[in-house]
């Protein structure tokens, strides 16, 4: 989990290679896991909202990325179909 001044965030990337490239040093114990869109829609969006967490999309090594609320992220995913 990443923290900003305003939000606690779960990082996501478009593929495993980007996630693994990011998971170094203090994050080296983390394992990249693919999540299907169906699983995301069914469980993750609602779960993140219930836990009051946001999504940080494609964070870089400086921990910068696009921060979205779970419903905004789901809407963006559905527009990409």
C-alpha atoms as a PDB file:
ATOM      1  CA  UNK A   1       0.000   0.000   0.000  1.00  0.00           C
ATOM      2  CA  UNK A   2       1.201   3.486  -0.850  1.00  0.00           C
ATOM      3  CA  UNK A   3       0.315   6.538   1.189  1.00  0.00           C
ATOM      4  CA  UNK A   4      -0.103  10.148   0.118  1.00  0.00           C
ATOM      5  CA  UNK A   5      -1.033  13.132   2.240  1.00  0.00           C
ATOM      6  CA  UNK A   6      -4.697  12.516   1.438  1.00  0.00           C
ATOM      7  CA  UNK A   7      -5.086   8.885   0.384  1.00  0.00           C
ATOM      8  CA  UNK A   8      -4.043   5.325   1.120  1.00  0.00           C
ATOM      9  CA  UNK A   9      -3.633   3.619  -2.258  1.00  0.00           C
ATOM     10  CA  UNK A  10      -3.265   0.199  -3.827  1.00  0.00           C
ATOM     11  CA  UNK A  11      -0.864   0.279  -6.803  1.00  0.00           C
ATOM     12  CA  UNK A  12      -1.859  -1.294 -10.136  1.00  0.00           C
ATOM     13  CA  UNK A  13      -0.027  -1.750 -13.438  1.00  0.00           C
ATOM     14  CA  UNK A  14      -1.160  -2.904 -16.877  1.00  0.00           C
ATOM     15  CA  UNK A  15       1.044  -6.012 -16.803  1.00  0.00           C
ATOM     16  CA  UNK A  16       3.183  -8.193 -14.578  1.00  0.00           C
ATOM     17  CA  UNK A  17       6.516  -6.998 -15.980  1.00  0.00           C
ATOM     18  CA  UNK A  18       5.907  -3.379 -14.961  1.00  0.00           C
ATOM     19  CA  UNK A  19       4.845  -4.455 -11.469  1.00  0.00           C
ATOM     20  CA  UNK A  20       7.890  -6.693 -11.031  1.00  0.00           C
ATOM     21  CA  UNK A  21      10.206  -3.945 -12.271  1.00  0.00           C
ATOM     22  CA  UNK A  22       8.748  -1.613  -9.641  1.00  0.00           C
ATOM     23  CA  UNK A  23       8.906  -4.096  -6.748  1.00  0.00           C
ATOM     24  CA  UNK A  24      12.480  -3.535  -5.608  1.00  0.00           C
ATOM     25  CA  UNK A  25      14.188  -2.703  -2.325  1.00  0.00           C
ATOM     26  CA  UNK A  26      11.517  -2.257   0.358  1.00  0.00           C
ATOM     27  CA  UNK A  27       8.917  -3.794  -2.004  1.00  0.00           C
ATOM     28  CA  UNK A  28      11.026  -6.784  -3.075  1.00  0.00           C
ATOM     29  CA  UNK A  29       8.924  -9.144  -0.929  1.00  0.00           C
ATOM     30  CA  UNK A  30       5.834  -8.327  -3.018  1.00  0.00           C
ATOM     31  CA  UNK A  31       4.598 -10.604  -5.778  1.00  0.00           C
ATOM     32  CA  UNK A  32       2.816  -9.400  -8.907  1.00  0.00           C
ATOM     33  CA  UNK A  33      -0.593 -10.965  -9.368  1.00  0.00           C
ATOM     34  CA  UNK A  34      -2.864 -10.710 -12.390  1.00  0.00           C
ATOM     35  CA  UNK A  35      -6.463  -9.786 -11.615  1.00  0.00           C
ATOM     36  CA  UNK A  36      -9.073 -10.438 -14.280  1.00  0.00           C
ATOM     37  CA  UNK A  37     -11.458  -7.625 -15.126  1.00  0.00           C
ATOM     38  CA  UNK A  38     -14.398  -9.723 -13.958  1.00  0.00           C
ATOM     39  CA  UNK A  39     -12.736 -10.314 -10.604  1.00  0.00           C
ATOM     40  CA  UNK A  40     -11.868  -6.606 -10.346  1.00  0.00           C
ATOM     41  CA  UNK A  41     -15.468  -5.565 -11.004  1.00  0.00           C
ATOM     42  CA  UNK A  42     -16.931  -8.198  -8.670  1.00  0.00           C
ATOM     43  CA  UNK A  43     -14.610  -7.814  -5.698  1.00  0.00           C
ATOM     44  CA  UNK A  44     -11.916  -5.183  -5.861  1.00  0.00           C
ATOM     45  CA  UNK A  45     -13.821  -1.985  -6.624  1.00  0.00           C
ATOM     46  CA  UNK A  46     -16.365  -2.577  -3.872  1.00  0.00           C
ATOM     47  CA  UNK A  47     -13.758  -3.864  -1.423  1.00  0.00           C
ATOM     48  CA  UNK A  48     -11.478  -0.885  -1.906  1.00  0.00           C
ATOM     49  CA  UNK A  49     -14.393   1.501  -1.456  1.00  0.00           C
ATOM     50  CA  UNK A  50     -15.454  -0.276   1.737  1.00  0.00           C
ATOM     51  CA  UNK A  51     -11.870  -0.034   3.042  1.00  0.00           C
ATOM     52  CA  UNK A  52     -11.681   3.633   1.987  1.00  0.00           C
ATOM     53  CA  UNK A  53      -8.705   2.963  -0.287  1.00  0.00           C
ATOM     54  CA  UNK A  54      -7.873   4.525  -3.634  1.00  0.00           C
ATOM     55  CA  UNK A  55      -6.039   3.151  -6.654  1.00  0.00           C
ATOM     56  CA  UNK A  56      -2.709   4.528  -7.846  1.00  0.00           C
ATOM     57  CA  UNK A  57      -2.331   3.655 -11.517  1.00  0.00           C
ATOM     58  CA  UNK A  58       1.107   2.787 -12.862  1.00  0.00           C
ATOM     59  CA  UNK A  59       3.244   4.326 -10.084  1.00  0.00           C
ATOM     60  CA  UNK A  60       6.853   4.938 -11.016  1.00  0.00           C
ATOM     61  CA  UNK A  61       9.941   4.432  -8.880  1.00  0.00           C
ATOM     62  CA  UNK A  62       9.402   7.909  -7.381  1.00  0.00           C
ATOM     63  CA  UNK A  63       5.954   6.669  -6.266  1.00  0.00           C
ATOM     64  CA  UNK A  64       4.154   9.035  -8.616  1.00  0.00           C
ATOM     65  CA  UNK A  65       1.096   7.834 -10.484  1.00  0.00           C
ATOM     66  CA  UNK A  66      -2.499   8.688 -11.274  1.00  0.00           C
ATOM     67  CA  UNK A  67      -4.683   8.411  -8.162  1.00  0.00           C
ATOM     68  CA  UNK A  68      -8.318   7.462  -8.674  1.00  0.00           C
ATOM     69  CA  UNK A  69     -11.187   6.418  -6.455  1.00  0.00           C
ATOM     70  CA  UNK A  70     -12.183   2.791  -7.110  1.00  0.00           C
ATOM     71  CA  UNK A  71     -15.386   3.765  -8.938  1.00  0.00           C
ATOM     72  CA  UNK A  72     -13.439   6.169 -11.188  1.00  0.00           C
ATOM     73  CA  UNK A  73     -10.916   3.449 -11.989  1.00  0.00           C
ATOM     74  CA  UNK A  74     -13.660   0.941 -12.803  1.00  0.00           C
ATOM     75  CA  UNK A  75     -15.360   3.470 -15.068  1.00  0.00           C
ATOM     76  CA  UNK A  76     -12.067   4.124 -16.888  1.00  0.00           C
ATOM     77  CA  UNK A  77     -11.525   0.372 -17.350  1.00  0.00           C
ATOM     78  CA  UNK A  78     -14.995  -0.087 -18.800  1.00  0.00           C
ATOM     79  CA  UNK A  79     -14.429   2.759 -21.277  1.00  0.00           C
ATOM     80  CA  UNK A  80     -11.331   0.939 -22.590  1.00  0.00           C
ATOM     81  CA  UNK A  81     -13.299  -2.162 -23.637  1.00  0.00           C
END
